[in-house]
Amino acid sequence: MKLFVGNLSFETTENDLQDLFEKHGQVSEVALMMDRMTGKSRGFAFVTMGDKTQGEAAVAALNGQQVAGRALTVNEASPREDRGARPSGGAGGGNRKFAQGRW
Protein backbone atom coordinates (compact mmCIF):
# COMPACT_ATOMS: atom_id res chain seq x y z
CA MET A 1 0.00 0.00 0.00
CA LYS A 2 1.45 3.34 -1.08
CA LEU A 3 1.05 6.25 1.35
CA PHE A 4 1.36 9.99 0.85
CA VAL A 5 3.21 11.74 3.68
CA GLY A 6 2.89 15.52 3.73
CA ASN A 7 3.82 18.53 5.86
CA LEU A 8 7.31 17.17 6.47
CA SER A 9 10.06 19.26 7.93
CA PHE A 10 12.57 20.15 5.20
CA GLU A 11 15.26 18.46 7.32
CA THR A 12 13.49 15.07 7.28
CA THR A 13 15.44 12.33 5.51
CA GLU A 14 14.38 9.07 3.88
CA ASN A 15 16.06 7.22 6.78
CA ASP A 16 13.94 9.19 9.27
CA LEU A 17 10.78 8.13 7.42
CA GLN A 18 11.95 4.51 7.17
CA ASP A 19 12.49 4.39 10.94
CA LEU A 20 9.16 6.10 11.68
CA PHE A 21 7.04 3.85 9.45
CA GLU A 22 8.83 0.56 10.28
CA LYS A 23 7.22 0.72 13.72
CA HIS A 24 3.93 -0.08 11.96
CA GLY A 25 5.03 -2.75 9.49
CA GLN A 26 7.38 -3.60 6.67
CA VAL A 27 8.49 -0.65 4.55
CA SER A 28 9.39 -1.62 0.99
CA GLU A 29 10.16 1.86 -0.40
CA VAL A 30 10.57 5.47 0.73
CA ALA A 31 10.66 8.25 -1.87
CA LEU A 32 11.29 11.74 -0.51
CA MET A 33 10.45 14.30 -3.17
CA MET A 34 13.30 16.72 -3.86
CA ASP A 35 13.34 20.03 -5.71
CA ARG A 36 15.35 19.63 -8.94
CA MET A 37 16.76 23.14 -8.84
CA THR A 38 17.81 23.38 -5.18
CA GLY A 39 18.25 19.72 -4.26
CA LYS A 40 16.24 20.34 -1.07
CA SER A 41 13.19 18.47 0.18
CA ARG A 42 9.80 19.58 -1.15
CA GLY A 43 8.15 18.63 2.15
CA PHE A 44 6.38 15.45 1.09
CA ALA A 45 7.16 11.80 0.39
CA PHE A 46 5.66 8.48 -0.60
CA VAL A 47 6.10 5.43 1.61
CA THR A 48 5.18 1.96 0.38
CA MET A 49 4.14 -0.46 3.12
CA GLY A 50 4.19 -4.25 2.89
CA ASP A 51 0.42 -4.66 2.68
CA LYS A 52 -2.89 -2.86 3.17
CA THR A 53 -3.22 -3.79 6.86
CA GLN A 54 0.20 -2.35 7.66
CA GLY A 55 -0.53 0.76 5.61
CA GLU A 56 -3.82 1.35 7.41
CA ALA A 57 -2.06 0.91 10.78
CA ALA A 58 0.55 3.49 9.80
CA VAL A 59 -2.14 5.97 8.67
CA ALA A 60 -4.08 5.51 11.93
CA ALA A 61 -0.96 5.97 14.06
CA LEU A 62 0.88 8.73 12.18
CA ASN A 63 -1.73 11.01 10.59
CA GLY A 64 -1.66 14.21 12.64
CA GLN A 65 1.35 13.11 14.72
CA GLN A 66 3.87 15.84 15.51
CA VAL A 67 7.28 15.14 13.97
CA ALA A 68 9.99 17.83 14.11
CA GLY A 69 7.36 20.37 15.15
CA ARG A 70 4.96 19.66 12.28
CA ALA A 71 1.71 17.67 12.20
CA LEU A 72 2.09 15.00 9.52
CA THR A 73 -0.52 14.35 6.88
CA VAL A 74 -0.56 10.61 6.14
CA ASN A 75 -3.10 8.97 3.85
CA GLU A 76 -3.37 6.45 1.05
CA ALA A 77 -1.75 7.84 -2.08
CA SER A 78 -4.12 8.36 -4.98
CA PRO A 79 -3.06 7.03 -8.38
CA ARG A 80 -0.97 9.39 -10.42
CA GLU A 81 -3.01 11.34 -12.93
CA ASP A 82 -2.09 11.13 -16.59
CA ARG A 83 -1.16 14.67 -17.56
CA GLY A 84 -1.18 13.85 -21.25
CA ALA A 85 1.59 14.43 -23.73
CA ARG A 86 3.76 17.44 -23.15
CA PRO A 87 4.63 19.63 -26.09
CA SER A 88 8.12 19.15 -27.40
CA GLY A 89 10.40 21.58 -29.07
CA GLY A 90 11.33 25.12 -28.39
CA ALA A 91 9.58 28.43 -28.39
CA GLY A 92 6.24 27.55 -29.92
CA GLY A 93 4.43 28.55 -33.10
CA GLY A 94 5.29 32.02 -34.18
CA ASN A 95 4.18 33.82 -37.32
CA ARG A 96 4.62 31.70 -40.46
CA LYS A 97 4.59 34.68 -42.82
CA PHE A 98 7.34 36.34 -40.82
CA ALA A 99 9.35 33.12 -40.74
CA GLN A 100 9.03 32.80 -44.53
CA GLY A 101 10.01 36.43 -45.11
CA ARG A 102 6.53 37.46 -46.37
CA TRP A 103 5.30 40.06 -43.95
PDB file of N, CA and C in Angstrom:
ATOM      1  N   MET A   1       0.852  -1.172   0.000  1.00  0.00           N
ATOM      2  CA  MET A   1       0.000   0.000   0.000  1.00  0.00           C
ATOM      3  C   MET A   1       0.895   1.231   0.000  1.00  0.00           C
ATOM      4  N   LYS A   2       0.654   2.126  -0.948  1.00  0.00           N
ATOM      5  CA  LYS A   2       1.452   3.336  -1.080  1.00  0.00           C
ATOM      6  C   LYS A   2       0.778   4.470  -0.309  1.00  0.00           C
ATOM      7  N   LEU A   3       1.565   5.169   0.519  1.00  0.00           N
ATOM      8  CA  LEU A   3       1.051   6.246   1.354  1.00  0.00           C
ATOM      9  C   LEU A   3       1.678   7.574   0.951  1.00  0.00           C
ATOM     10  N   PHE A   4       0.869   8.621   1.019  1.00  0.00           N
ATOM     11  CA  PHE A   4       1.355   9.992   0.854  1.00  0.00           C
ATOM     12  C   PHE A   4       1.655  10.521   2.245  1.00  0.00           C
ATOM     13  N   VAL A   5       2.820  11.151   2.407  1.00  0.00           N
ATOM     14  CA  VAL A   5       3.206  11.745   3.682  1.00  0.00           C
ATOM     15  C   VAL A   5       3.516  13.207   3.417  1.00  0.00           C
ATOM     16  N   GLY A   6       2.713  14.098   3.972  1.00  0.00           N
ATOM     17  CA  GLY A   6       2.889  15.520   3.728  1.00  0.00           C
ATOM     18  C   GLY A   6       3.169  16.306   4.988  1.00  0.00           C
ATOM     19  N   ASN A   7       3.492  17.577   4.795  1.00  0.00           N
ATOM     20  CA  ASN A   7       3.822  18.529   5.855  1.00  0.00           C
ATOM     21  C   ASN A   7       5.083  18.125   6.607  1.00  0.00           C
ATOM     22  N   LEU A   8       6.042  17.570   5.863  1.00  0.00           N
ATOM     23  CA  LEU A   8       7.305  17.166   6.468  1.00  0.00           C
ATOM     24  C   LEU A   8       8.211  18.371   6.686  1.00  0.00           C
ATOM     25  N   SER A   9       9.006  18.287   7.725  1.00  0.00           N
ATOM     26  CA  SER A   9      10.063  19.265   7.928  1.00  0.00           C
ATOM     27  C   SER A   9      11.050  19.115   6.768  1.00  0.00           C
ATOM     28  N   PHE A  10      11.632  20.206   6.326  1.00  0.00           N
ATOM     29  CA  PHE A  10      12.570  20.151   5.201  1.00  0.00           C
ATOM     30  C   PHE A  10      13.866  19.434   5.579  1.00  0.00           C
ATOM     31  N   GLU A  11      14.072  19.180   6.864  1.00  0.00           N
ATOM     32  CA  GLU A  11      15.264  18.460   7.318  1.00  0.00           C
ATOM     33  C   GLU A  11      15.034  16.947   7.396  1.00  0.00           C
ATOM     34  N   THR A  12      13.802  16.502   7.207  1.00  0.00           N
ATOM     35  CA  THR A  12      13.487  15.073   7.282  1.00  0.00           C
ATOM     36  C   THR A  12      14.181  14.319   6.159  1.00  0.00           C
ATOM     37  N   THR A  13      14.751  13.157   6.504  1.00  0.00           N
ATOM     38  CA  THR A  13      15.443  12.332   5.515  1.00  0.00           C
ATOM     39  C   THR A  13      14.641  11.056   5.237  1.00  0.00           C
ATOM     40  N   GLU A  14      15.027  10.348   4.179  1.00  0.00           N
ATOM     41  CA  GLU A  14      14.384   9.068   3.878  1.00  0.00           C
ATOM     42  C   GLU A  14      14.604   8.080   5.020  1.00  0.00           C
ATOM     43  N   ASN A  15      15.786   8.112   5.641  1.00  0.00           N
ATOM     44  CA  ASN A  15      16.056   7.219   6.775  1.00  0.00           C
ATOM     45  C   ASN A  15      15.141   7.527   7.952  1.00  0.00           C
ATOM     46  N   ASP A  16      14.874   8.810   8.200  1.00  0.00           N
ATOM     47  CA  ASP A  16      13.941   9.191   9.270  1.00  0.00           C
ATOM     48  C   ASP A  16      12.565   8.582   9.017  1.00  0.00           C
ATOM     49  N   LEU A  17      12.101   8.675   7.773  1.00  0.00           N
ATOM     50  CA  LEU A  17      10.785   8.133   7.421  1.00  0.00           C
ATOM     51  C   LEU A  17      10.774   6.612   7.528  1.00  0.00           C
ATOM     52  N   GLN A  18      11.834   5.971   7.079  1.00  0.00           N
ATOM     53  CA  GLN A  18      11.951   4.515   7.168  1.00  0.00           C
ATOM     54  C   GLN A  18      11.798   4.084   8.630  1.00  0.00           C
ATOM     55  N   ASP A  19      12.545   4.734   9.522  1.00  0.00           N
ATOM     56  CA  ASP A  19      12.491   4.390  10.945  1.00  0.00           C
ATOM     57  C   ASP A  19      11.104   4.631  11.533  1.00  0.00           C
ATOM     58  N   LEU A  20      10.482   5.737  11.159  1.00  0.00           N
ATOM     59  CA  LEU A  20       9.165   6.100  11.682  1.00  0.00           C
ATOM     60  C   LEU A  20       8.091   5.094  11.257  1.00  0.00           C
ATOM     61  N   PHE A  21       8.103   4.719   9.980  1.00  0.00           N
ATOM     62  CA  PHE A  21       7.044   3.846   9.450  1.00  0.00           C
ATOM     63  C   PHE A  21       7.285   2.376   9.757  1.00  0.00           C
ATOM     64  N   GLU A  22       8.538   1.966   9.970  1.00  0.00           N
ATOM     65  CA  GLU A  22       8.826   0.563  10.281  1.00  0.00           C
ATOM     66  C   GLU A  22       8.200   0.117  11.599  1.00  0.00           C
ATOM     67  N   LYS A  23       7.874   1.063  12.459  1.00  0.00           N
ATOM     68  CA  LYS A  23       7.219   0.723  13.721  1.00  0.00           C
ATOM     69  C   LYS A  23       5.823   0.160  13.486  1.00  0.00           C
ATOM     70  N   HIS A  24       5.302   0.330  12.269  1.00  0.00           N
ATOM     71  CA  HIS A  24       3.930  -0.077  11.963  1.00  0.00           C
ATOM     72  C   HIS A  24       3.857  -1.164  10.899  1.00  0.00           C
ATOM     73  N   GLY A  25       5.012  -1.669  10.474  1.00  0.00           N
ATOM     74  CA  GLY A  25       5.031  -2.747   9.489  1.00  0.00           C
ATOM     75  C   GLY A  25       6.243  -2.651   8.580  1.00  0.00           C
ATOM     76  N   GLN A  26       6.266  -3.538   7.614  1.00  0.00           N
ATOM     77  CA  GLN A  26       7.384  -3.598   6.672  1.00  0.00           C
ATOM     78  C   GLN A  26       7.296  -2.447   5.677  1.00  0.00           C
ATOM     79  N   VAL A  27       8.408  -1.739   5.509  1.00  0.00           N
ATOM     80  CA  VAL A  27       8.493  -0.648   4.545  1.00  0.00           C
ATOM     81  C   VAL A  27       9.289  -1.161   3.349  1.00  0.00           C
ATOM     82  N   SER A  28       8.685  -1.129   2.164  1.00  0.00           N
ATOM     83  CA  SER A  28       9.392  -1.620   0.990  1.00  0.00           C
ATOM     84  C   SER A  28      10.047  -0.498   0.191  1.00  0.00           C
ATOM     85  N   GLU A  29       9.550   0.748   0.346  1.00  0.00           N
ATOM     86  CA  GLU A  29      10.162   1.864  -0.397  1.00  0.00           C
ATOM     87  C   GLU A  29       9.816   3.186   0.270  1.00  0.00           C
ATOM     88  N   VAL A  30      10.789   4.099   0.274  1.00  0.00           N
ATOM     89  CA  VAL A  30      10.575   5.471   0.726  1.00  0.00           C
ATOM     90  C   VAL A  30      11.099   6.383  -0.373  1.00  0.00           C
ATOM     91  N   ALA A  31      10.260   7.306  -0.827  1.00  0.00           N
ATOM     92  CA  ALA A  31      10.661   8.254  -1.874  1.00  0.00           C
ATOM     93  C   ALA A  31      10.369   9.668  -1.385  1.00  0.00           C
ATOM     94  N   LEU A  32      11.411  10.351  -0.948  1.00  0.00           N
ATOM     95  CA  LEU A  32      11.295  11.738  -0.511  1.00  0.00           C
ATOM     96  C   LEU A  32      11.429  12.617  -1.743  1.00  0.00           C
ATOM     97  N   MET A  33      10.446  13.462  -1.980  1.00  0.00           N
ATOM     98  CA  MET A  33      10.451  14.305  -3.175  1.00  0.00           C
ATOM     99  C   MET A  33      11.384  15.492  -2.973  1.00  0.00           C
ATOM    100  N   MET A  34      12.293  15.673  -3.934  1.00  0.00           N
ATOM    101  CA  MET A  34      13.302  16.722  -3.860  1.00  0.00           C
ATOM    102  C   MET A  34      13.093  17.734  -4.981  1.00  0.00           C
ATOM    103  N   ASP A  35      13.407  18.978  -4.710  1.00  0.00           N
ATOM    104  CA  ASP A  35      13.345  20.031  -5.711  1.00  0.00           C
ATOM    105  C   ASP A  35      14.527  19.864  -6.661  1.00  0.00           C
ATOM    106  N   ARG A  36      14.271  19.832  -7.953  1.00  0.00           N
ATOM    107  CA  ARG A  36      15.345  19.630  -8.941  1.00  0.00           C
ATOM    108  C   ARG A  36      16.351  20.764  -8.962  1.00  0.00           C
ATOM    109  N   MET A  37      15.882  21.970  -8.746  1.00  0.00           N
ATOM    110  CA  MET A  37      16.763  23.140  -8.838  1.00  0.00           C
ATOM    111  C   MET A  37      17.647  23.293  -7.598  1.00  0.00           C
ATOM    112  N   THR A  38      17.063  23.128  -6.416  1.00  0.00           N
ATOM    113  CA  THR A  38      17.810  23.381  -5.183  1.00  0.00           C
ATOM    114  C   THR A  38      18.374  22.123  -4.551  1.00  0.00           C
ATOM    115  N   GLY A  39      17.805  20.957  -4.884  1.00  0.00           N
ATOM    116  CA  GLY A  39      18.246  19.717  -4.261  1.00  0.00           C
ATOM    117  C   GLY A  39      17.715  19.540  -2.846  1.00  0.00           C
ATOM    118  N   LYS A  40      16.805  20.414  -2.410  1.00  0.00           N
ATOM    119  CA  LYS A  40      16.242  20.337  -1.071  1.00  0.00           C
ATOM    120  C   LYS A  40      14.887  19.641  -1.109  1.00  0.00           C
ATOM    121  N   SER A  41      14.469  19.156   0.059  1.00  0.00           N
ATOM    122  CA  SER A  41      13.189  18.472   0.181  1.00  0.00           C
ATOM    123  C   SER A  41      12.042  19.399  -0.198  1.00  0.00           C
ATOM    124  N   ARG A  42      11.002  18.817  -0.815  1.00  0.00           N
ATOM    125  CA  ARG A  42       9.803  19.578  -1.151  1.00  0.00           C
ATOM    126  C   ARG A  42       8.749  19.460  -0.049  1.00  0.00           C
ATOM    127  N   GLY A  43       9.055  18.715   1.014  1.00  0.00           N
ATOM    128  CA  GLY A  43       8.153  18.633   2.154  1.00  0.00           C
ATOM    129  C   GLY A  43       7.125  17.520   2.084  1.00  0.00           C
ATOM    130  N   PHE A  44       7.290  16.601   1.128  1.00  0.00           N
ATOM    131  CA  PHE A  44       6.382  15.452   1.092  1.00  0.00           C
ATOM    132  C   PHE A  44       7.114  14.236   0.544  1.00  0.00           C
ATOM    133  N   ALA A  45       6.526  13.062   0.799  1.00  0.00           N
ATOM    134  CA  ALA A  45       7.155  11.805   0.393  1.00  0.00           C
ATOM    135  C   ALA A  45       6.076  10.765   0.143  1.00  0.00           C
ATOM    136  N   PHE A  46       6.509   9.655  -0.426  1.00  0.00           N
ATOM    137  CA  PHE A  46       5.661   8.483  -0.597  1.00  0.00           C
ATOM    138  C   PHE A  46       6.350   7.317   0.088  1.00  0.00           C
ATOM    139  N   VAL A  47       5.587   6.590   0.892  1.00  0.00           N
ATOM    140  CA  VAL A  47       6.102   5.430   1.611  1.00  0.00           C
ATOM    141  C   VAL A  47       5.253   4.238   1.199  1.00  0.00           C
ATOM    142  N   THR A  48       5.897   3.175   0.758  1.00  0.00           N
ATOM    143  CA  THR A  48       5.178   1.961   0.376  1.00  0.00           C
ATOM    144  C   THR A  48       5.323   0.934   1.485  1.00  0.00           C
ATOM    145  N   MET A  49       4.186   0.528   2.037  1.00  0.00           N
ATOM    146  CA  MET A  49       4.145  -0.456   3.117  1.00  0.00           C
ATOM    147  C   MET A  49       3.935  -1.847   2.529  1.00  0.00           C
ATOM    148  N   GLY A  50       4.257  -2.863   3.335  1.00  0.00           N
ATOM    149  CA  GLY A  50       4.195  -4.251   2.885  1.00  0.00           C
ATOM    150  C   GLY A  50       2.831  -4.700   2.415  1.00  0.00           C
ATOM    151  N   ASP A  51       1.774  -4.287   3.102  1.00  0.00           N
ATOM    152  CA  ASP A  51       0.420  -4.660   2.682  1.00  0.00           C
ATOM    153  C   ASP A  51      -0.582  -3.629   3.201  1.00  0.00           C
ATOM    154  N   LYS A  52      -1.840  -3.824   2.837  1.00  0.00           N
ATOM    155  CA  LYS A  52      -2.893  -2.855   3.167  1.00  0.00           C
ATOM    156  C   LYS A  52      -3.088  -2.720   4.680  1.00  0.00           C
ATOM    157  N   THR A  53      -3.027  -3.829   5.409  1.00  0.00           N
ATOM    158  CA  THR A  53      -3.221  -3.793   6.859  1.00  0.00           C
ATOM    159  C   THR A  53      -2.144  -2.940   7.523  1.00  0.00           C
ATOM    160  N   GLN A  54      -0.893  -3.128   7.103  1.00  0.00           N
ATOM    161  CA  GLN A  54       0.205  -2.345   7.665  1.00  0.00           C
ATOM    162  C   GLN A  54       0.077  -0.874   7.286  1.00  0.00           C
ATOM    163  N   GLY A  55      -0.337  -0.616   6.062  1.00  0.00           N
ATOM    164  CA  GLY A  55      -0.529   0.756   5.612  1.00  0.00           C
ATOM    165  C   GLY A  55      -1.612   1.459   6.404  1.00  0.00           C
ATOM    166  N   GLU A  56      -2.722   0.768   6.632  1.00  0.00           N
ATOM    167  CA  GLU A  56      -3.820   1.348   7.412  1.00  0.00           C
ATOM    168  C   GLU A  56      -3.392   1.610   8.847  1.00  0.00           C
ATOM    169  N   ALA A  57      -2.567   0.713   9.411  1.00  0.00           N
ATOM    170  CA  ALA A  57      -2.061   0.906  10.779  1.00  0.00           C
ATOM    171  C   ALA A  57      -1.163   2.142  10.839  1.00  0.00           C
ATOM    172  N   ALA A  58      -0.333   2.328   9.831  1.00  0.00           N
ATOM    173  CA  ALA A  58       0.551   3.493   9.796  1.00  0.00           C
ATOM    174  C   ALA A  58      -0.256   4.785   9.667  1.00  0.00           C
ATOM    175  N   VAL A  59      -1.290   4.783   8.828  1.00  0.00           N
ATOM    176  CA  VAL A  59      -2.138   5.967   8.670  1.00  0.00           C
ATOM    177  C   VAL A  59      -2.807   6.300  10.003  1.00  0.00           C
ATOM    178  N   ALA A  60      -3.379   5.293  10.669  1.00  0.00           N
ATOM    179  CA  ALA A  60      -4.076   5.513  11.933  1.00  0.00           C
ATOM    180  C   ALA A  60      -3.133   6.061  13.002  1.00  0.00           C
ATOM    181  N   ALA A  61      -1.907   5.574  13.024  1.00  0.00           N
ATOM    182  CA  ALA A  61      -0.962   5.974  14.062  1.00  0.00           C
ATOM    183  C   ALA A  61      -0.267   7.301  13.771  1.00  0.00           C
ATOM    184  N   LEU A  62      -0.005   7.597  12.501  1.00  0.00           N
ATOM    185  CA  LEU A  62       0.876   8.725  12.182  1.00  0.00           C
ATOM    186  C   LEU A  62       0.172   9.970  11.643  1.00  0.00           C
ATOM    187  N   ASN A  63      -1.045   9.834  11.114  1.00  0.00           N
ATOM    188  CA  ASN A  63      -1.730  11.012  10.587  1.00  0.00           C
ATOM    189  C   ASN A  63      -2.010  11.988  11.728  1.00  0.00           C
ATOM    190  N   GLY A  64      -1.486  13.197  11.614  1.00  0.00           N
ATOM    191  CA  GLY A  64      -1.663  14.212  12.643  1.00  0.00           C
ATOM    192  C   GLY A  64      -0.581  14.204  13.715  1.00  0.00           C
ATOM    193  N   GLN A  65       0.284  13.184  13.706  1.00  0.00           N
ATOM    194  CA  GLN A  65       1.346  13.109  14.716  1.00  0.00           C
ATOM    195  C   GLN A  65       2.376  14.211  14.494  1.00  0.00           C
ATOM    196  N   GLN A  66       2.847  14.801  15.577  1.00  0.00           N
ATOM    197  CA  GLN A  66       3.874  15.838  15.513  1.00  0.00           C
ATOM    198  C   GLN A  66       5.249  15.195  15.309  1.00  0.00           C
ATOM    199  N   VAL A  67       5.918  15.595  14.244  1.00  0.00           N
ATOM    200  CA  VAL A  67       7.279  15.145  13.973  1.00  0.00           C
ATOM    201  C   VAL A  67       8.080  16.379  13.587  1.00  0.00           C
ATOM    202  N   ALA A  68       9.139  16.648  14.332  1.00  0.00           N
ATOM    203  CA  ALA A  68       9.989  17.827  14.108  1.00  0.00           C
ATOM    204  C   ALA A  68       9.154  19.114  14.102  1.00  0.00           C
ATOM    205  N   GLY A  69       8.162  19.170  15.002  1.00  0.00           N
ATOM    206  CA  GLY A  69       7.357  20.368  15.146  1.00  0.00           C
ATOM    207  C   GLY A  69       6.262  20.564  14.111  1.00  0.00           C
ATOM    208  N   ARG A  70       5.996  19.538  13.309  1.00  0.00           N
ATOM    209  CA  ARG A  70       4.959  19.655  12.279  1.00  0.00           C
ATOM    210  C   ARG A  70       4.009  18.468  12.369  1.00  0.00           C
ATOM    211  N   ALA A  71       2.713  18.735  12.197  1.00  0.00           N
ATOM    212  CA  ALA A  71       1.706  17.668  12.204  1.00  0.00           C
ATOM    213  C   ALA A  71       1.685  17.004  10.833  1.00  0.00           C
ATOM    214  N   LEU A  72       2.045  15.723  10.794  1.00  0.00           N
ATOM    215  CA  LEU A  72       2.093  15.004   9.520  1.00  0.00           C
ATOM    216  C   LEU A  72       0.706  14.790   8.932  1.00  0.00           C
ATOM    217  N   THR A  73       0.653  14.773   7.616  1.00  0.00           N
ATOM    218  CA  THR A  73      -0.524  14.346   6.876  1.00  0.00           C
ATOM    219  C   THR A  73      -0.157  13.000   6.267  1.00  0.00           C
ATOM    220  N   VAL A  74      -0.852  11.952   6.655  1.00  0.00           N
ATOM    221  CA  VAL A  74      -0.564  10.611   6.135  1.00  0.00           C
ATOM    222  C   VAL A  74      -1.876  10.006   5.666  1.00  0.00           C
ATOM    223  N   ASN A  75      -1.920   9.643   4.384  1.00  0.00           N
ATOM    224  CA  ASN A  75      -3.102   8.966   3.848  1.00  0.00           C
ATOM    225  C   ASN A  75      -2.701   8.116   2.656  1.00  0.00           C
ATOM    226  N   GLU A  76      -3.655   7.306   2.204  1.00  0.00           N
ATOM    227  CA  GLU A  76      -3.371   6.451   1.053  1.00  0.00           C
ATOM    228  C   GLU A  76      -3.150   7.332  -0.170  1.00  0.00           C
ATOM    229  N   ALA A  77      -2.073   7.058  -0.891  1.00  0.00           N
ATOM    230  CA  ALA A  77      -1.750   7.845  -2.084  1.00  0.00           C
ATOM    231  C   ALA A  77      -2.755   7.530  -3.174  1.00  0.00           C
ATOM    232  N   SER A  78      -3.227   8.574  -3.845  1.00  0.00           N
ATOM    233  CA  SER A  78      -4.116   8.358  -4.982  1.00  0.00           C
ATOM    234  C   SER A  78      -3.266   8.069  -6.213  1.00  0.00           C
ATOM    235  N   PRO A  79      -3.824   7.340  -7.169  1.00  0.00           N
ATOM    236  CA  PRO A  79      -3.065   7.029  -8.381  1.00  0.00           C
ATOM    237  C   PRO A  79      -2.643   8.300  -9.103  1.00  0.00           C
ATOM    238  N   ARG A  80      -1.487   8.239  -9.700  1.00  0.00           N
ATOM    239  CA  ARG A  80      -0.967   9.394 -10.420  1.00  0.00           C
ATOM    240  C   ARG A  80      -1.829   9.677 -11.640  1.00  0.00           C
ATOM    241  N   GLU A  81      -2.182  10.951 -11.794  1.00  0.00           N
ATOM    242  CA  GLU A  81      -3.011  11.341 -12.935  1.00  0.00           C
ATOM    243  C   GLU A  81      -2.166  11.398 -14.195  1.00  0.00           C
ATOM    244  N   ASP A  82      -2.759  11.004 -15.307  1.00  0.00           N
ATOM    245  CA  ASP A  82      -2.092  11.129 -16.590  1.00  0.00           C
ATOM    246  C   ASP A  82      -2.234  12.576 -17.044  1.00  0.00           C
ATOM    247  N   ARG A  83      -1.121  13.259 -17.179  1.00  0.00           N
ATOM    248  CA  ARG A  83      -1.158  14.668 -17.563  1.00  0.00           C
ATOM    249  C   ARG A  83      -1.194  14.853 -19.069  1.00  0.00           C
ATOM    250  N   GLY A  84      -1.162  13.763 -19.801  1.00  0.00           N
ATOM    251  CA  GLY A  84      -1.176  13.855 -21.255  1.00  0.00           C
ATOM    252  C   GLY A  84       0.209  14.149 -21.788  1.00  0.00           C
ATOM    253  N   ALA A  85       0.299  14.172 -23.085  1.00  0.00           N
ATOM    254  CA  ALA A  85       1.586  14.426 -23.725  1.00  0.00           C
ATOM    255  C   ALA A  85       1.983  15.881 -23.534  1.00  0.00           C
ATOM    256  N   ARG A  86       3.246  16.076 -23.279  1.00  0.00           N
ATOM    257  CA  ARG A  86       3.756  17.437 -23.146  1.00  0.00           C
ATOM    258  C   ARG A  86       4.289  17.887 -24.497  1.00  0.00           C
ATOM    259  N   PRO A  87       4.109  19.144 -24.814  1.00  0.00           N
ATOM    260  CA  PRO A  87       4.634  19.626 -26.094  1.00  0.00           C
ATOM    261  C   PRO A  87       6.144  19.543 -26.117  1.00  0.00           C
ATOM    262  N   SER A  88       6.669  19.217 -27.263  1.00  0.00           N
ATOM    263  CA  SER A  88       8.123  19.150 -27.397  1.00  0.00           C
ATOM    264  C   SER A  88       8.588  20.326 -28.234  1.00  0.00           C
ATOM    265  N   GLY A  89       9.865  20.508 -28.248  1.00  0.00           N
ATOM    266  CA  GLY A  89      10.404  21.576 -29.071  1.00  0.00           C
ATOM    267  C   GLY A  89      10.674  22.827 -28.287  1.00  0.00           C
ATOM    268  N   GLY A  90      10.885  23.883 -29.009  1.00  0.00           N
ATOM    269  CA  GLY A  90      11.334  25.115 -28.387  1.00  0.00           C
ATOM    270  C   GLY A  90      10.251  26.114 -28.121  1.00  0.00           C
ATOM    271  N   ALA A  91      10.329  27.257 -28.777  1.00  0.00           N
ATOM    272  CA  ALA A  91       9.582  28.432 -28.389  1.00  0.00           C
ATOM    273  C   ALA A  91       8.162  28.509 -28.940  1.00  0.00           C
ATOM    274  N   GLY A  92       7.629  27.496 -29.487  1.00  0.00           N
ATOM    275  CA  GLY A  92       6.241  27.547 -29.925  1.00  0.00           C
ATOM    276  C   GLY A  92       6.081  28.007 -31.357  1.00  0.00           C
ATOM    277  N   GLY A  93       4.834  28.297 -31.725  1.00  0.00           N
ATOM    278  CA  GLY A  93       4.430  28.548 -33.100  1.00  0.00           C
ATOM    279  C   GLY A  93       5.103  29.693 -33.811  1.00  0.00           C
ATOM    280  N   GLY A  94       4.742  30.878 -33.469  1.00  0.00           N
ATOM    281  CA  GLY A  94       5.295  32.018 -34.184  1.00  0.00           C
ATOM    282  C   GLY A  94       4.467  32.361 -35.404  1.00  0.00           C
ATOM    283  N   ASN A  95       4.899  33.345 -36.150  1.00  0.00           N
ATOM    284  CA  ASN A  95       4.185  33.824 -37.321  1.00  0.00           C
ATOM    285  C   ASN A  95       4.815  33.218 -38.570  1.00  0.00           C
ATOM    286  N   ARG A  96       4.072  32.379 -39.287  1.00  0.00           N
ATOM    287  CA  ARG A  96       4.622  31.698 -40.461  1.00  0.00           C
ATOM    288  C   ARG A  96       5.040  32.682 -41.553  1.00  0.00           C
ATOM    289  N   LYS A  97       4.228  33.715 -41.769  1.00  0.00           N
ATOM    290  CA  LYS A  97       4.591  34.676 -42.816  1.00  0.00           C
ATOM    291  C   LYS A  97       5.904  35.360 -42.494  1.00  0.00           C
ATOM    292  N   PHE A  98       6.083  35.701 -41.238  1.00  0.00           N
ATOM    293  CA  PHE A  98       7.339  36.339 -40.822  1.00  0.00           C
ATOM    294  C   PHE A  98       8.494  35.381 -41.019  1.00  0.00           C
ATOM    295  N   ALA A  99       8.292  34.109 -40.618  1.00  0.00           N
ATOM    296  CA  ALA A  99       9.348  33.119 -40.738  1.00  0.00           C
ATOM    297  C   ALA A  99       9.710  32.864 -42.195  1.00  0.00           C
ATOM    298  N   GLN A 100       8.767  33.034 -43.108  1.00  0.00           N
ATOM    299  CA  GLN A 100       9.033  32.804 -44.528  1.00  0.00           C
ATOM    300  C   GLN A 100       9.462  34.075 -45.226  1.00  0.00           C
ATOM    301  N   GLY A 101       9.569  35.166 -44.513  1.00  0.00           N
ATOM    302  CA  GLY A 101      10.008  36.432 -45.110  1.00  0.00           C
ATOM    303  C   GLY A 101       8.919  37.174 -45.861  1.00  0.00           C
ATOM    304  N   ARG A 102       7.640  36.798 -45.677  1.00  0.00           N
ATOM    305  CA  ARG A 102       6.532  37.460 -46.375  1.00  0.00           C
ATOM    306  C   ARG A 102       5.672  38.219 -45.383  1.00  0.00           C
ATOM    307  N   TRP A 103       6.084  39.291 -44.913  1.00  0.00           N
ATOM    308  CA  TRP A 103       5.298  40.057 -43.953  1.00  0.00           C
ATOM    309  C   TRP A 103       5.086  41.359 -44.506  1.00  0.00           C
TER     310      TRP A 103
END
